[in-house]
């Protein structure tokens, strides 16, 4: 059974950093584009970043551009989302997702992703 599990969330002060990880079991994430999404209470799920299956293209939402960095360690089958200069925002749950098709491009539409983790909560507060 294919599963994703995020980790690395927590409480951090404004200006701080976190690195989210997404561990996979049951399939090789290196074949798939990966997306990171977040959802705050009462809000729609927002696409934050994605990376193509060949790691040659990435996307960042305007709200995180210049502060977040997506990467993956294919040897460890683990994508990451490094978040720097975190801003005080409502608590959100961050999700990693794997595209439904292998050898896929970086797209940030949630409907394109078939495999989702349960999420990890990020709170930025002083």
PDB file of N, CA and C in Angstrom:
ATOM      1  N   UNK A   1       0.844  -1.189   0.000  1.00  0.00           N
ATOM      2  CA  UNK A   1       0.000   0.000   0.000  1.00  0.00           C
ATOM      3  C   UNK A   1       0.881   1.242   0.000  1.00  0.00           C
ATOM      4  N   UNK A   2       0.589   2.164  -0.914  1.00  0.00           N
ATOM      5  CA  UNK A   2       1.377   3.380  -1.021  1.00  0.00           C
ATOM      6  C   UNK A   2       0.942   4.374   0.037  1.00  0.00           C
ATOM      7  N   UNK A   3       1.936   4.901   0.779  1.00  0.00           N
ATOM      8  CA  UNK A   3       1.629   5.843   1.843  1.00  0.00           C
ATOM      9  C   UNK A   3       2.660   6.949   1.882  1.00  0.00           C
ATOM     10  N   UNK A   4       2.191   8.118   2.281  1.00  0.00           N
ATOM     11  CA  UNK A   4       3.068   9.254   2.532  1.00  0.00           C
ATOM     12  C   UNK A   4       2.841   9.722   3.963  1.00  0.00           C
ATOM     13  N   UNK A   5       3.918  10.120   4.616  1.00  0.00           N
ATOM     14  CA  UNK A   5       3.788  10.637   5.973  1.00  0.00           C
ATOM     15  C   UNK A   5       4.698  11.851   6.117  1.00  0.00           C
ATOM     16  N   UNK A   6       4.090  12.979   6.461  1.00  0.00           N
ATOM     17  CA  UNK A   6       4.863  14.199   6.663  1.00  0.00           C
ATOM     18  C   UNK A   6       5.394  14.275   8.090  1.00  0.00           C
ATOM     19  N   UNK A   7       6.468  14.997   8.247  1.00  0.00           N
ATOM     20  CA  UNK A   7       7.010  15.275   9.580  1.00  0.00           C
ATOM     21  C   UNK A   7       7.741  16.601   9.535  1.00  0.00           C
ATOM     22  N   UNK A   8       8.056  17.128  10.709  1.00  0.00           N
ATOM     23  CA  UNK A   8       8.834  18.353  10.782  1.00  0.00           C
ATOM     24  C   UNK A   8       8.040  19.592  11.152  1.00  0.00           C
ATOM     25  N   UNK A   9       6.740  19.446  11.255  1.00  0.00           N
ATOM     26  CA  UNK A   9       5.939  20.587  11.649  1.00  0.00           C
ATOM     27  C   UNK A   9       6.131  20.912  13.129  1.00  0.00           C
ATOM     28  N   UNK A  10       5.548  22.008  13.543  1.00  0.00           N
ATOM     29  CA  UNK A  10       5.659  22.394  14.942  1.00  0.00           C
ATOM     30  C   UNK A  10       5.332  23.854  15.124  1.00  0.00           C
ATOM     31  N   UNK A  11       5.746  24.370  16.263  1.00  0.00           N
ATOM     32  CA  UNK A  11       5.530  25.774  16.585  1.00  0.00           C
ATOM     33  C   UNK A  11       6.857  26.503  16.448  1.00  0.00           C
ATOM     34  N   UNK A  12       6.826  27.608  15.744  1.00  0.00           N
ATOM     35  CA  UNK A  12       8.047  28.372  15.513  1.00  0.00           C
ATOM     36  C   UNK A  12       7.721  29.847  15.600  1.00  0.00           C
ATOM     37  N   UNK A  13       8.686  30.625  16.014  1.00  0.00           N
ATOM     38  CA  UNK A  13       8.485  32.066  16.101  1.00  0.00           C
ATOM     39  C   UNK A  13       8.602  32.702  14.720  1.00  0.00           C
ATOM     40  N   UNK A  14       7.967  33.832  14.531  1.00  0.00           N
ATOM     41  CA  UNK A  14       8.127  34.551  13.260  1.00  0.00           C
ATOM     42  C   UNK A  14       9.598  34.781  12.949  1.00  0.00           C
ATOM     43  N   UNK A  15       9.941  34.561  11.700  1.00  0.00           N
ATOM     44  CA  UNK A  15      11.336  34.676  11.286  1.00  0.00           C
ATOM     45  C   UNK A  15      12.104  33.379  11.384  1.00  0.00           C
ATOM     46  N   UNK A  16      11.518  32.405  12.023  1.00  0.00           N
ATOM     47  CA  UNK A  16      12.183  31.123  12.191  1.00  0.00           C
ATOM     48  C   UNK A  16      12.066  30.227  10.976  1.00  0.00           C
ATOM     49  N   UNK A  17      12.591  29.013  11.130  1.00  0.00           N
ATOM     50  CA  UNK A  17      12.633  28.067  10.017  1.00  0.00           C
ATOM     51  C   UNK A  17      12.147  26.695  10.458  1.00  0.00           C
ATOM     52  N   UNK A  18      11.634  25.980   9.507  1.00  0.00           N
ATOM     53  CA  UNK A  18      11.284  24.580   9.680  1.00  0.00           C
ATOM     54  C   UNK A  18      11.614  23.845   8.393  1.00  0.00           C
ATOM     55  N   UNK A  19      11.904  22.566   8.515  1.00  0.00           N
ATOM     56  CA  UNK A  19      12.055  21.738   7.335  1.00  0.00           C
ATOM     57  C   UNK A  19      11.086  20.576   7.439  1.00  0.00           C
ATOM     58  N   UNK A  20      10.190  20.523   6.487  1.00  0.00           N
ATOM     59  CA  UNK A  20       9.218  19.435   6.430  1.00  0.00           C
ATOM     60  C   UNK A  20       9.776  18.300   5.576  1.00  0.00           C
ATOM     61  N   UNK A  21       9.511  17.098   6.002  1.00  0.00           N
ATOM     62  CA  UNK A  21       9.903  15.908   5.254  1.00  0.00           C
ATOM     63  C   UNK A  21       8.667  15.110   4.892  1.00  0.00           C
ATOM     64  N   UNK A  22       8.810  14.300   3.886  1.00  0.00           N
ATOM     65  CA  UNK A  22       7.700  13.473   3.432  1.00  0.00           C
ATOM     66  C   UNK A  22       8.251  12.082   3.134  1.00  0.00           C
ATOM     67  N   UNK A  23       8.014  11.172   4.038  1.00  0.00           N
ATOM     68  CA  UNK A  23       8.513   9.811   3.851  1.00  0.00           C
ATOM     69  C   UNK A  23       7.467   8.973   3.127  1.00  0.00           C
ATOM     70  N   UNK A  24       7.962   8.166   2.206  1.00  0.00           N
ATOM     71  CA  UNK A  24       7.063   7.341   1.408  1.00  0.00           C
ATOM     72  C   UNK A  24       7.310   5.868   1.673  1.00  0.00           C
ATOM     73  N   UNK A  25       6.267   5.124   1.569  1.00  0.00           N
ATOM     74  CA  UNK A  25       6.391   3.674   1.619  1.00  0.00           C
ATOM     75  C   UNK A  25       5.476   3.085   0.558  1.00  0.00           C
ATOM     76  N   UNK A  26       5.928   2.025  -0.038  1.00  0.00           N
ATOM     77  CA  UNK A  26       5.103   1.353  -1.022  1.00  0.00           C
ATOM     78  C   UNK A  26       5.316   1.818  -2.451  1.00  0.00           C
ATOM     79  N   UNK A  27       6.031   2.909  -2.660  1.00  0.00           N
ATOM     80  CA  UNK A  27       6.365   3.320  -4.015  1.00  0.00           C
ATOM     81  C   UNK A  27       7.561   4.275  -3.997  1.00  0.00           C
ATOM     82  N   UNK A  28       8.145   4.445  -5.175  1.00  0.00           N
ATOM     83  CA  UNK A  28       9.353   5.245  -5.313  1.00  0.00           C
ATOM     84  C   UNK A  28       8.976   6.659  -5.727  1.00  0.00           C
ATOM     85  N   UNK A  29       9.137   7.591  -4.798  1.00  0.00           N
ATOM     86  CA  UNK A  29       8.731   8.962  -5.071  1.00  0.00           C
ATOM     87  C   UNK A  29       9.542   9.616  -6.172  1.00  0.00           C
ATOM     88  N   UNK A  30      10.741   9.101  -6.425  1.00  0.00           N
ATOM     89  CA  UNK A  30      11.593   9.704  -7.436  1.00  0.00           C
ATOM     90  C   UNK A  30      10.986   9.703  -8.820  1.00  0.00           C
ATOM     91  N   UNK A  31       9.999   8.865  -9.066  1.00  0.00           N
ATOM     92  CA  UNK A  31       9.363   8.807 -10.384  1.00  0.00           C
ATOM     93  C   UNK A  31       8.246   9.840 -10.548  1.00  0.00           C
ATOM     94  N   UNK A  32       7.891  10.518  -9.448  1.00  0.00           N
ATOM     95  CA  UNK A  32       6.698  11.353  -9.454  1.00  0.00           C
ATOM     96  C   UNK A  32       7.024  12.800  -9.127  1.00  0.00           C
ATOM     97  N   UNK A  33       6.249  13.702  -9.693  1.00  0.00           N
ATOM     98  CA  UNK A  33       6.336  15.071  -9.212  1.00  0.00           C
ATOM     99  C   UNK A  33       5.687  15.137  -7.832  1.00  0.00           C
ATOM    100  N   UNK A  34       6.174  16.047  -7.029  1.00  0.00           N
ATOM    101  CA  UNK A  34       5.737  16.184  -5.641  1.00  0.00           C
ATOM    102  C   UNK A  34       5.196  17.584  -5.418  1.00  0.00           C
ATOM    103  N   UNK A  35       4.111  17.657  -4.724  1.00  0.00           N
ATOM    104  CA  UNK A  35       3.551  18.948  -4.369  1.00  0.00           C
ATOM    105  C   UNK A  35       3.435  19.090  -2.864  1.00  0.00           C
ATOM    106  N   UNK A  36       3.583  20.296  -2.407  1.00  0.00           N
ATOM    107  CA  UNK A  36       3.309  20.634  -1.015  1.00  0.00           C
ATOM    108  C   UNK A  36       2.130  21.604  -1.003  1.00  0.00           C
ATOM    109  N   UNK A  37       1.177  21.312  -0.166  1.00  0.00           N
ATOM    110  CA  UNK A  37      -0.025  22.119  -0.045  1.00  0.00           C
ATOM    111  C   UNK A  37      -0.224  22.461   1.428  1.00  0.00           C
ATOM    112  N   UNK A  38      -1.022  23.467   1.686  1.00  0.00           N
ATOM    113  CA  UNK A  38      -1.344  23.794   3.075  1.00  0.00           C
ATOM    114  C   UNK A  38      -2.809  24.228   3.168  1.00  0.00           C
ATOM    115  N   UNK A  39      -3.352  24.030   4.344  1.00  0.00           N
ATOM    116  CA  UNK A  39      -4.745  24.408   4.562  1.00  0.00           C
ATOM    117  C   UNK A  39      -4.896  24.929   5.979  1.00  0.00           C
ATOM    118  N   UNK A  40      -5.402  26.135   6.070  1.00  0.00           N
ATOM    119  CA  UNK A  40      -5.712  26.742   7.361  1.00  0.00           C
ATOM    120  C   UNK A  40      -7.186  26.528   7.648  1.00  0.00           C
ATOM    121  N   UNK A  41      -7.577  26.557   8.891  1.00  0.00           N
ATOM    122  CA  UNK A  41      -8.990  26.354   9.229  1.00  0.00           C
ATOM    123  C   UNK A  41      -9.891  27.340   8.514  1.00  0.00           C
ATOM    124  N   UNK A  42     -10.933  26.828   7.909  1.00  0.00           N
ATOM    125  CA  UNK A  42     -11.894  27.686   7.228  1.00  0.00           C
ATOM    126  C   UNK A  42     -11.453  28.177   5.871  1.00  0.00           C
ATOM    127  N   UNK A  43     -10.284  27.720   5.417  1.00  0.00           N
ATOM    128  CA  UNK A  43      -9.785  28.162   4.116  1.00  0.00           C
ATOM    129  C   UNK A  43      -9.605  26.969   3.183  1.00  0.00           C
ATOM    130  N   UNK A  44      -9.544  27.276   1.909  1.00  0.00           N
ATOM    131  CA  UNK A  44      -9.320  26.226   0.930  1.00  0.00           C
ATOM    132  C   UNK A  44      -7.852  25.788   0.948  1.00  0.00           C
ATOM    133  N   UNK A  45      -7.639  24.566   0.494  1.00  0.00           N
ATOM    134  CA  UNK A  45      -6.282  24.051   0.390  1.00  0.00           C
ATOM    135  C   UNK A  45      -5.521  24.874  -0.647  1.00  0.00           C
ATOM    136  N   UNK A  46      -4.315  25.276  -0.302  1.00  0.00           N
ATOM    137  CA  UNK A  46      -3.507  26.150  -1.147  1.00  0.00           C
ATOM    138  C   UNK A  46      -2.253  25.416  -1.607  1.00  0.00           C
ATOM    139  N   UNK A  47      -1.955  25.519  -2.881  1.00  0.00           N
ATOM    140  CA  UNK A  47      -0.715  24.948  -3.382  1.00  0.00           C
ATOM    141  C   UNK A  47       0.451  25.836  -3.009  1.00  0.00           C
ATOM    142  N   UNK A  48       1.450  25.269  -2.387  1.00  0.00           N
ATOM    143  CA  UNK A  48       2.602  26.021  -1.912  1.00  0.00           C
ATOM    144  C   UNK A  48       3.790  25.876  -2.858  1.00  0.00           C
ATOM    145  N   UNK A  49       4.087  24.648  -3.244  1.00  0.00           N
ATOM    146  CA  UNK A  49       5.274  24.400  -4.064  1.00  0.00           C
ATOM    147  C   UNK A  49       5.166  23.040  -4.713  1.00  0.00           C
ATOM    148  N   UNK A  50       5.876  22.864  -5.816  1.00  0.00           N
ATOM    149  CA  UNK A  50       5.970  21.538  -6.420  1.00  0.00           C
ATOM    150  C   UNK A  50       7.318  21.405  -7.117  1.00  0.00           C
ATOM    151  N   UNK A  51       7.670  20.168  -7.365  1.00  0.00           N
ATOM    152  CA  UNK A  51       8.908  19.841  -8.076  1.00  0.00           C
ATOM    153  C   UNK A  51       8.606  18.731  -9.055  1.00  0.00           C
ATOM    154  N   UNK A  52       9.140  18.843 -10.260  1.00  0.00           N
ATOM    155  CA  UNK A  52       8.853  17.851 -11.287  1.00  0.00           C
ATOM    156  C   UNK A  52       9.563  16.538 -10.982  1.00  0.00           C
ATOM    157  N   UNK A  53       9.158  15.505 -11.671  1.00  0.00           N
ATOM    158  CA  UNK A  53       9.739  14.188 -11.417  1.00  0.00           C
ATOM    159  C   UNK A  53      11.231  14.147 -11.725  1.00  0.00           C
ATOM    160  N   UNK A  54      11.678  14.962 -12.686  1.00  0.00           N
ATOM    161  CA  UNK A  54      13.116  14.974 -13.015  1.00  0.00           C
ATOM    162  C   UNK A  54      13.868  16.057 -12.258  1.00  0.00           C
ATOM    163  N   UNK A  55      13.190  16.721 -11.336  1.00  0.00           N
ATOM    164  CA  UNK A  55      13.770  17.765 -10.473  1.00  0.00           C
ATOM    165  C   UNK A  55      14.223  19.008 -11.241  1.00  0.00           C
ATOM    166  N   UNK A  56      13.848  19.120 -12.500  1.00  0.00           N
ATOM    167  CA  UNK A  56      14.350  20.246 -13.283  1.00  0.00           C
ATOM    168  C   UNK A  56      13.453  21.475 -13.219  1.00  0.00           C
ATOM    169  N   UNK A  57      12.250  21.313 -12.765  1.00  0.00           N
ATOM    170  CA  UNK A  57      11.375  22.481 -12.645  1.00  0.00           C
ATOM    171  C   UNK A  57      10.706  22.494 -11.283  1.00  0.00           C
ATOM    172  N   UNK A  58      10.545  23.699 -10.785  1.00  0.00           N
ATOM    173  CA  UNK A  58       9.889  23.894  -9.500  1.00  0.00           C
ATOM    174  C   UNK A  58       8.914  25.050  -9.613  1.00  0.00           C
ATOM    175  N   UNK A  59       8.038  25.104  -8.658  1.00  0.00           N
ATOM    176  CA  UNK A  59       7.054  26.193  -8.609  1.00  0.00           C
ATOM    177  C   UNK A  59       6.902  26.609  -7.158  1.00  0.00           C
ATOM    178  N   UNK A  60       6.716  27.903  -6.959  1.00  0.00           N
ATOM    179  CA  UNK A  60       6.425  28.415  -5.622  1.00  0.00           C
ATOM    180  C   UNK A  60       5.271  29.408  -5.716  1.00  0.00           C
ATOM    181  N   UNK A  61       4.359  29.315  -4.776  1.00  0.00           N
ATOM    182  CA  UNK A  61       3.319  30.329  -4.684  1.00  0.00           C
ATOM    183  C   UNK A  61       3.961  31.677  -4.374  1.00  0.00           C
ATOM    184  N   UNK A  62       3.358  32.730  -4.845  1.00  0.00           N
ATOM    185  CA  UNK A  62       3.910  34.069  -4.620  1.00  0.00           C
ATOM    186  C   UNK A  62       4.109  34.347  -3.133  1.00  0.00           C
ATOM    187  N   UNK A  63       3.233  33.820  -2.325  1.00  0.00           N
ATOM    188  CA  UNK A  63       3.279  34.092  -0.888  1.00  0.00           C
ATOM    189  C   UNK A  63       4.501  33.496  -0.199  1.00  0.00           C
ATOM    190  N   UNK A  64       5.153  32.522  -0.849  1.00  0.00           N
ATOM    191  CA  UNK A  64       6.304  31.863  -0.217  1.00  0.00           C
ATOM    192  C   UNK A  64       7.580  31.994  -1.031  1.00  0.00           C
ATOM    193  N   UNK A  65       7.475  32.593  -2.196  1.00  0.00           N
ATOM    194  CA  UNK A  65       8.635  32.703  -3.085  1.00  0.00           C
ATOM    195  C   UNK A  65       9.775  33.451  -2.389  1.00  0.00           C
ATOM    196  N   UNK A  66      10.959  32.886  -2.508  1.00  0.00           N
ATOM    197  CA  UNK A  66      12.121  33.496  -1.877  1.00  0.00           C
ATOM    198  C   UNK A  66      12.339  33.066  -0.438  1.00  0.00           C
ATOM    199  N   UNK A  67      11.345  32.406   0.142  1.00  0.00           N
ATOM    200  CA  UNK A  67      11.465  31.978   1.543  1.00  0.00           C
ATOM    201  C   UNK A  67      11.416  30.452   1.683  1.00  0.00           C
ATOM    202  N   UNK A  68      10.727  29.784   0.801  1.00  0.00           N
ATOM    203  CA  UNK A  68      10.598  28.331   0.852  1.00  0.00           C
ATOM    204  C   UNK A  68      11.433  27.695  -0.257  1.00  0.00           C
ATOM    205  N   UNK A  69      11.882  26.499  -0.001  1.00  0.00           N
ATOM    206  CA  UNK A  69      12.678  25.773  -0.990  1.00  0.00           C
ATOM    207  C   UNK A  69      12.275  24.308  -0.981  1.00  0.00           C
ATOM    208  N   UNK A  70      11.941  23.803  -2.157  1.00  0.00           N
ATOM    209  CA  UNK A  70      11.553  22.399  -2.277  1.00  0.00           C
ATOM    210  C   UNK A  70      12.729  21.604  -2.828  1.00  0.00           C
ATOM    211  N   UNK A  71      12.896  20.409  -2.337  1.00  0.00           N
ATOM    212  CA  UNK A  71      13.983  19.555  -2.809  1.00  0.00           C
ATOM    213  C   UNK A  71      13.612  18.114  -2.518  1.00  0.00           C
ATOM    214  N   UNK A  72      14.448  17.208  -2.974  1.00  0.00           N
ATOM    215  CA  UNK A  72      14.241  15.820  -2.611  1.00  0.00           C
ATOM    216  C   UNK A  72      15.576  15.094  -2.597  1.00  0.00           C
ATOM    217  N   UNK A  73      15.638  14.092  -1.769  1.00  0.00           N
ATOM    218  CA  UNK A  73      16.772  13.176  -1.722  1.00  0.00           C
ATOM    219  C   UNK A  73      16.268  11.858  -2.283  1.00  0.00           C
ATOM    220  N   UNK A  74      16.595  11.603  -3.527  1.00  0.00           N
ATOM    221  CA  UNK A  74      16.044  10.411  -4.171  1.00  0.00           C
ATOM    222  C   UNK A  74      16.608   9.141  -3.556  1.00  0.00           C
ATOM    223  N   UNK A  75      17.830   9.211  -3.066  1.00  0.00           N
ATOM    224  CA  UNK A  75      18.407   8.029  -2.434  1.00  0.00           C
ATOM    225  C   UNK A  75      17.604   7.630  -1.203  1.00  0.00           C
ATOM    226  N   UNK A  76      17.045   8.628  -0.521  1.00  0.00           N
ATOM    227  CA  UNK A  76      16.248   8.360   0.671  1.00  0.00           C
ATOM    228  C   UNK A  76      14.754   8.363   0.384  1.00  0.00           C
ATOM    229  N   UNK A  77      14.413   8.572  -0.910  1.00  0.00           N
ATOM    230  CA  UNK A  77      12.997   8.556  -1.283  1.00  0.00           C
ATOM    231  C   UNK A  77      12.210   9.582  -0.487  1.00  0.00           C
ATOM    232  N   UNK A  78      12.823  10.745  -0.230  1.00  0.00           N
ATOM    233  CA  UNK A  78      12.212  11.727   0.657  1.00  0.00           C
ATOM    234  C   UNK A  78      12.280  13.127   0.064  1.00  0.00           C
ATOM    235  N   UNK A  79      11.131  13.747  -0.144  1.00  0.00           N
ATOM    236  CA  UNK A  79      11.119  15.170  -0.505  1.00  0.00           C
ATOM    237  C   UNK A  79      11.108  16.034   0.754  1.00  0.00           C
ATOM    238  N   UNK A  80      11.521  17.284   0.568  1.00  0.00           N
ATOM    239  CA  UNK A  80      11.576  18.212   1.684  1.00  0.00           C
ATOM    240  C   UNK A  80      10.988  19.559   1.271  1.00  0.00           C
ATOM    241  N   UNK A  81      10.522  20.280   2.246  1.00  0.00           N
ATOM    242  CA  UNK A  81      10.134  21.674   2.057  1.00  0.00           C
ATOM    243  C   UNK A  81      10.810  22.469   3.158  1.00  0.00           C
ATOM    244  N   UNK A  82      11.819  23.244   2.795  1.00  0.00           N
ATOM    245  CA  UNK A  82      12.500  24.099   3.767  1.00  0.00           C
ATOM    246  C   UNK A  82      11.790  25.428   3.795  1.00  0.00           C
ATOM    247  N   UNK A  83      11.415  25.845   4.978  1.00  0.00           N
ATOM    248  CA  UNK A  83      10.652  27.074   5.135  1.00  0.00           C
ATOM    249  C   UNK A  83      11.452  28.032   6.017  1.00  0.00           C
ATOM    250  N   UNK A  84      11.858  29.126   5.438  1.00  0.00           N
ATOM    251  CA  UNK A  84      12.626  30.151   6.168  1.00  0.00           C
ATOM    252  C   UNK A  84      11.799  31.429   6.277  1.00  0.00           C
ATOM    253  N   UNK A  85      12.247  32.291   7.173  1.00  0.00           N
ATOM    254  CA  UNK A  85      11.585  33.592   7.358  1.00  0.00           C
ATOM    255  C   UNK A  85      10.082  33.434   7.491  1.00  0.00           C
ATOM    256  N   UNK A  86       9.695  32.504   8.324  1.00  0.00           N
ATOM    257  CA  UNK A  86       8.273  32.228   8.483  1.00  0.00           C
ATOM    258  C   UNK A  86       7.545  33.442   9.044  1.00  0.00           C
ATOM    259  N   UNK A  87       6.366  33.671   8.503  1.00  0.00           N
ATOM    260  CA  UNK A  87       5.576  34.830   8.888  1.00  0.00           C
ATOM    261  C   UNK A  87       4.457  34.408   9.839  1.00  0.00           C
ATOM    262  N   UNK A  88       4.055  35.320  10.698  1.00  0.00           N
ATOM    263  CA  UNK A  88       2.935  34.992  11.582  1.00  0.00           C
ATOM    264  C   UNK A  88       1.653  34.847  10.773  1.00  0.00           C
ATOM    265  N   UNK A  89       1.170  33.663  10.669  1.00  0.00           N
ATOM    266  CA  UNK A  89      -0.016  33.346   9.899  1.00  0.00           C
ATOM    267  C   UNK A  89      -0.865  32.375  10.686  1.00  0.00           C
ATOM    268  N   UNK A  90      -2.117  32.225  10.305  1.00  0.00           N
ATOM    269  CA  UNK A  90      -2.944  31.223  10.989  1.00  0.00           C
ATOM    270  C   UNK A  90      -2.315  29.844  10.871  1.00  0.00           C
ATOM    271  N   UNK A  91      -2.470  29.065  11.880  1.00  0.00           N
ATOM    272  CA  UNK A  91      -1.976  27.694  11.864  1.00  0.00           C
ATOM    273  C   UNK A  91      -2.507  26.969  10.636  1.00  0.00           C
ATOM    274  N   UNK A  92      -1.632  26.249   9.993  1.00  0.00           N
ATOM    275  CA  UNK A  92      -2.034  25.506   8.805  1.00  0.00           C
ATOM    276  C   UNK A  92      -1.479  24.091   8.871  1.00  0.00           C
ATOM    277  N   UNK A  93      -2.164  23.211   8.238  1.00  0.00           N
ATOM    278  CA  UNK A  93      -1.668  21.844   8.075  1.00  0.00           C
ATOM    279  C   UNK A  93      -1.027  21.756   6.705  1.00  0.00           C
ATOM    280  N   UNK A  94       0.191  21.280   6.685  1.00  0.00           N
ATOM    281  CA  UNK A  94       0.935  21.124   5.441  1.00  0.00           C
ATOM    282  C   UNK A  94       0.880  19.664   4.989  1.00  0.00           C
ATOM    283  N   UNK A  95       0.585  19.491   3.717  1.00  0.00           N
ATOM    284  CA  UNK A  95       0.464  18.160   3.131  1.00  0.00           C
ATOM    285  C   UNK A  95       1.465  17.984   1.999  1.00  0.00           C
ATOM    286  N   UNK A  96       2.070  16.826   1.929  1.00  0.00           N
ATOM    287  CA  UNK A  96       2.803  16.484   0.716  1.00  0.00           C
ATOM    288  C   UNK A  96       1.935  15.549  -0.105  1.00  0.00           C
ATOM    289  N   UNK A  97       2.156  15.594  -1.390  1.00  0.00           N
ATOM    290  CA  UNK A  97       1.352  14.785  -2.295  1.00  0.00           C
ATOM    291  C   UNK A  97       2.201  14.360  -3.477  1.00  0.00           C
ATOM    292  N   UNK A  98       1.918  13.189  -3.990  1.00  0.00           N
ATOM    293  CA  UNK A  98       2.591  12.671  -5.181  1.00  0.00           C
ATOM    294  C   UNK A  98       1.609  12.659  -6.343  1.00  0.00           C
ATOM    295  N   UNK A  99       2.091  13.110  -7.471  1.00  0.00           N
ATOM    296  CA  UNK A  99       1.246  13.180  -8.660  1.00  0.00           C
ATOM    297  C   UNK A  99       0.702  11.793  -9.011  1.00  0.00           C
ATOM    298  N   UNK A 100      -0.451  11.773  -9.651  1.00  0.00           N
ATOM    299  CA  UNK A 100      -1.070  10.512  -9.998  1.00  0.00           C
ATOM    300  C   UNK A 100      -0.373   9.731 -11.081  1.00  0.00           C
ATOM    301  N   UNK A 101       0.492  10.401 -11.857  1.00  0.00           N
ATOM    302  CA  UNK A 101       1.186   9.733 -12.952  1.00  0.00           C
ATOM    303  C   UNK A 101       2.687   9.871 -12.770  1.00  0.00           C
ATOM    304  N   UNK A 102       3.451   8.829 -13.096  1.00  0.00           N
ATOM    305  CA  UNK A 102       4.913   8.955 -13.027  1.00  0.00           C
ATOM    306  C   UNK A 102       5.438   9.836 -14.151  1.00  0.00           C
ATOM    307  N   UNK A 103       6.650  10.312 -14.001  1.00  0.00           N
ATOM    308  CA  UNK A 103       7.329  11.144 -14.999  1.00  0.00           C
ATOM    309  C   UNK A 103       6.498  12.376 -15.331  1.00  0.00           C
ATOM    310  N   UNK A 104       5.984  12.980 -14.287  1.00  0.00           N
ATOM    311  CA  UNK A 104       5.068  14.098 -14.467  1.00  0.00           C
ATOM    312  C   UNK A 104       5.774  15.440 -14.264  1.00  0.00           C
ATOM    313  N   UNK A 105       5.134  16.463 -14.810  1.00  0.00           N
ATOM    314  CA  UNK A 105       5.638  17.820 -14.660  1.00  0.00           C
ATOM    315  C   UNK A 105       5.208  18.374 -13.317  1.00  0.00           C
ATOM    316  N   UNK A 106       5.763  19.533 -13.015  1.00  0.00           N
ATOM    317  CA  UNK A 106       5.391  20.223 -11.777  1.00  0.00           C
ATOM    318  C   UNK A 106       4.097  20.982 -12.021  1.00  0.00           C
ATOM    319  N   UNK A 107       3.043  20.551 -11.390  1.00  0.00           N
ATOM    320  CA  UNK A 107       1.762  21.245 -11.471  1.00  0.00           C
ATOM    321  C   UNK A 107       1.237  21.423 -10.054  1.00  0.00           C
ATOM    322  N   UNK A 108       0.506  22.466  -9.836  1.00  0.00           N
ATOM    323  CA  UNK A 108       0.117  22.791  -8.476  1.00  0.00           C
ATOM    324  C   UNK A 108      -1.380  22.630  -8.262  1.00  0.00           C
ATOM    325  N   UNK A 109      -2.035  21.925  -9.149  1.00  0.00           N
ATOM    326  CA  UNK A 109      -3.452  21.646  -8.977  1.00  0.00           C
ATOM    327  C   UNK A 109      -3.624  20.404  -8.122  1.00  0.00           C
ATOM    328  N   UNK A 110      -4.312  20.561  -7.023  1.00  0.00           N
ATOM    329  CA  UNK A 110      -4.476  19.448  -6.085  1.00  0.00           C
ATOM    330  C   UNK A 110      -5.132  18.246  -6.742  1.00  0.00           C
ATOM    331  N   UNK A 111      -5.995  18.487  -7.717  1.00  0.00           N
ATOM    332  CA  UNK A 111      -6.699  17.385  -8.365  1.00  0.00           C
ATOM    333  C   UNK A 111      -5.767  16.477  -9.143  1.00  0.00           C
ATOM    334  N   UNK A 112      -4.566  16.944  -9.452  1.00  0.00           N
ATOM    335  CA  UNK A 112      -3.596  16.135 -10.203  1.00  0.00           C
ATOM    336  C   UNK A 112      -2.909  15.101  -9.316  1.00  0.00           C
ATOM    337  N   UNK A 113      -3.033  15.235  -8.022  1.00  0.00           N
ATOM    338  CA  UNK A 113      -2.281  14.408  -7.085  1.00  0.00           C
ATOM    339  C   UNK A 113      -3.157  13.312  -6.510  1.00  0.00           C
ATOM    340  N   UNK A 114      -2.629  12.109  -6.552  1.00  0.00           N
ATOM    341  CA  UNK A 114      -3.417  10.950  -6.127  1.00  0.00           C
ATOM    342  C   UNK A 114      -3.030  10.435  -4.748  1.00  0.00           C
ATOM    343  N   UNK A 115      -1.823  10.747  -4.314  1.00  0.00           N
ATOM    344  CA  UNK A 115      -1.334  10.196  -3.052  1.00  0.00           C
ATOM    345  C   UNK A 115      -1.057  11.347  -2.089  1.00  0.00           C
ATOM    346  N   UNK A 116      -1.644  11.272  -0.929  1.00  0.00           N
ATOM    347  CA  UNK A 116      -1.550  12.356   0.047  1.00  0.00           C
ATOM    348  C   UNK A 116      -1.146  11.811   1.410  1.00  0.00           C
ATOM    349  N   UNK A 117      -0.356  12.612   2.116  1.00  0.00           N
ATOM    350  CA  UNK A 117      -0.080  12.291   3.503  1.00  0.00           C
ATOM    351  C   UNK A 117      -1.154  12.864   4.402  1.00  0.00           C
ATOM    352  N   UNK A 118      -1.128  12.521   5.679  1.00  0.00           N
ATOM    353  CA  UNK A 118      -2.134  13.016   6.629  1.00  0.00           C
ATOM    354  C   UNK A 118      -1.898  14.455   7.047  1.00  0.00           C
ATOM    355  N   UNK A 119      -0.719  15.000   6.752  1.00  0.00           N
ATOM    356  CA  UNK A 119      -0.438  16.392   7.076  1.00  0.00           C
ATOM    357  C   UNK A 119       0.345  16.556   8.359  1.00  0.00           C
ATOM    358  N   UNK A 120       1.031  17.693   8.436  1.00  0.00           N
ATOM    359  CA  UNK A 120       1.743  18.067   9.655  1.00  0.00           C
ATOM    360  C   UNK A 120       1.440  19.542   9.937  1.00  0.00           C
ATOM    361  N   UNK A 121       1.187  19.851  11.176  1.00  0.00           N
ATOM    362  CA  UNK A 121       0.717  21.183  11.519  1.00  0.00           C
ATOM    363  C   UNK A 121       1.882  22.149  11.752  1.00  0.00           C
ATOM    364  N   UNK A 122       1.714  23.343  11.222  1.00  0.00           N
ATOM    365  CA  UNK A 122       2.729  24.388  11.384  1.00  0.00           C
ATOM    366  C   UNK A 122       2.061  25.614  12.004  1.00  0.00           C
ATOM    367  N   UNK A 123       2.616  26.049  13.098  1.00  0.00           N
ATOM    368  CA  UNK A 123       2.117  27.243  13.773  1.00  0.00           C
ATOM    369  C   UNK A 123       3.245  28.250  13.884  1.00  0.00           C
ATOM    370  N   UNK A 124       3.008  29.440  13.376  1.00  0.00           N
ATOM    371  CA  UNK A 124       3.992  30.513  13.460  1.00  0.00           C
ATOM    372  C   UNK A 124       3.420  31.577  14.393  1.00  0.00           C
ATOM    373  N   UNK A 125       4.017  31.676  15.547  1.00  0.00           N
ATOM    374  CA  UNK A 125       3.461  32.571  16.551  1.00  0.00           C
ATOM    375  C   UNK A 125       4.537  32.967  17.540  1.00  0.00           C
ATOM    376  N   UNK A 126       4.437  34.196  18.003  1.00  0.00           N
ATOM    377  CA  UNK A 126       5.359  34.645  19.038  1.00  0.00           C
ATOM    378  C   UNK A 126       4.768  34.382  20.429  1.00  0.00           C
TER     379      UNK A 126
END
